[in-house]
Amino acid sequence: MIKIKISYERPEELQKVLERLAPNVKNLKVARKQDGRFLKAYVTME
């Protein structure tokens, strides 16, 4: 299992990353608290 933390500024950026990782993504969690310049998402892959 691989865990990846993704930092992004716009939702479109996250979408592009997810499209590239799509076949292997097992779980996606977008952080609730979005403080600061960058937004965060966490991906779990097989």
Protein backbone atom coordinates (compact mmCIF):
# COMPACT_ATOMS: atom_id res chain seq x y z
CA MET A 1 0.00 0.00 0.00
CA ILE A 2 1.26 3.47 -0.91
CA LYS A 3 0.04 6.72 0.66
CA ILE A 4 0.51 10.05 -1.12
CA LYS A 5 -0.12 13.59 0.14
CA ILE A 6 -1.08 15.99 -2.65
CA SER A 7 -0.86 19.77 -2.24
CA TYR A 8 -2.70 21.87 -4.82
CA GLU A 9 -4.06 25.39 -5.33
CA ARG A 10 -7.07 24.74 -7.61
CA PRO A 11 -9.44 21.75 -7.90
CA GLU A 12 -8.45 21.36 -11.57
CA GLU A 13 -4.90 20.54 -10.48
CA LEU A 14 -6.11 17.75 -8.21
CA GLN A 15 -8.32 16.40 -10.99
CA LYS A 16 -5.37 16.17 -13.39
CA VAL A 17 -3.29 14.26 -10.85
CA LEU A 18 -6.16 11.86 -10.13
CA GLU A 19 -6.65 11.20 -13.84
CA ARG A 20 -3.01 10.08 -14.08
CA LEU A 21 -3.25 7.89 -10.99
CA ALA A 22 -6.80 6.65 -11.67
CA PRO A 23 -6.27 2.92 -12.33
CA ASN A 24 -4.45 2.42 -9.02
CA VAL A 25 -6.29 4.78 -6.63
CA LYS A 26 -7.93 2.86 -3.81
CA ASN A 27 -9.05 5.74 -1.59
CA LEU A 28 -9.16 9.56 -1.76
CA LYS A 29 -9.60 11.87 1.22
CA VAL A 30 -9.71 15.66 0.89
CA ALA A 31 -8.64 17.41 4.10
CA ARG A 32 -11.45 19.21 5.92
CA LYS A 33 -9.35 22.05 7.30
CA GLN A 34 -7.92 23.90 4.35
CA ASP A 35 -5.77 26.57 5.98
CA GLY A 36 -2.93 28.26 4.19
CA ARG A 37 -2.00 28.71 0.57
CA PHE A 38 -2.31 25.10 -0.56
CA LEU A 39 -5.21 22.68 -0.33
CA LYS A 40 -4.46 19.08 0.62
CA ALA A 41 -5.67 15.66 -0.43
CA TYR A 42 -4.53 12.19 0.59
CA VAL A 43 -4.51 9.21 -1.78
CA THR A 44 -4.09 5.53 -0.94
CA MET A 45 -2.92 3.26 -3.76
CA GLU A 46 -2.61 -0.51 -4.05
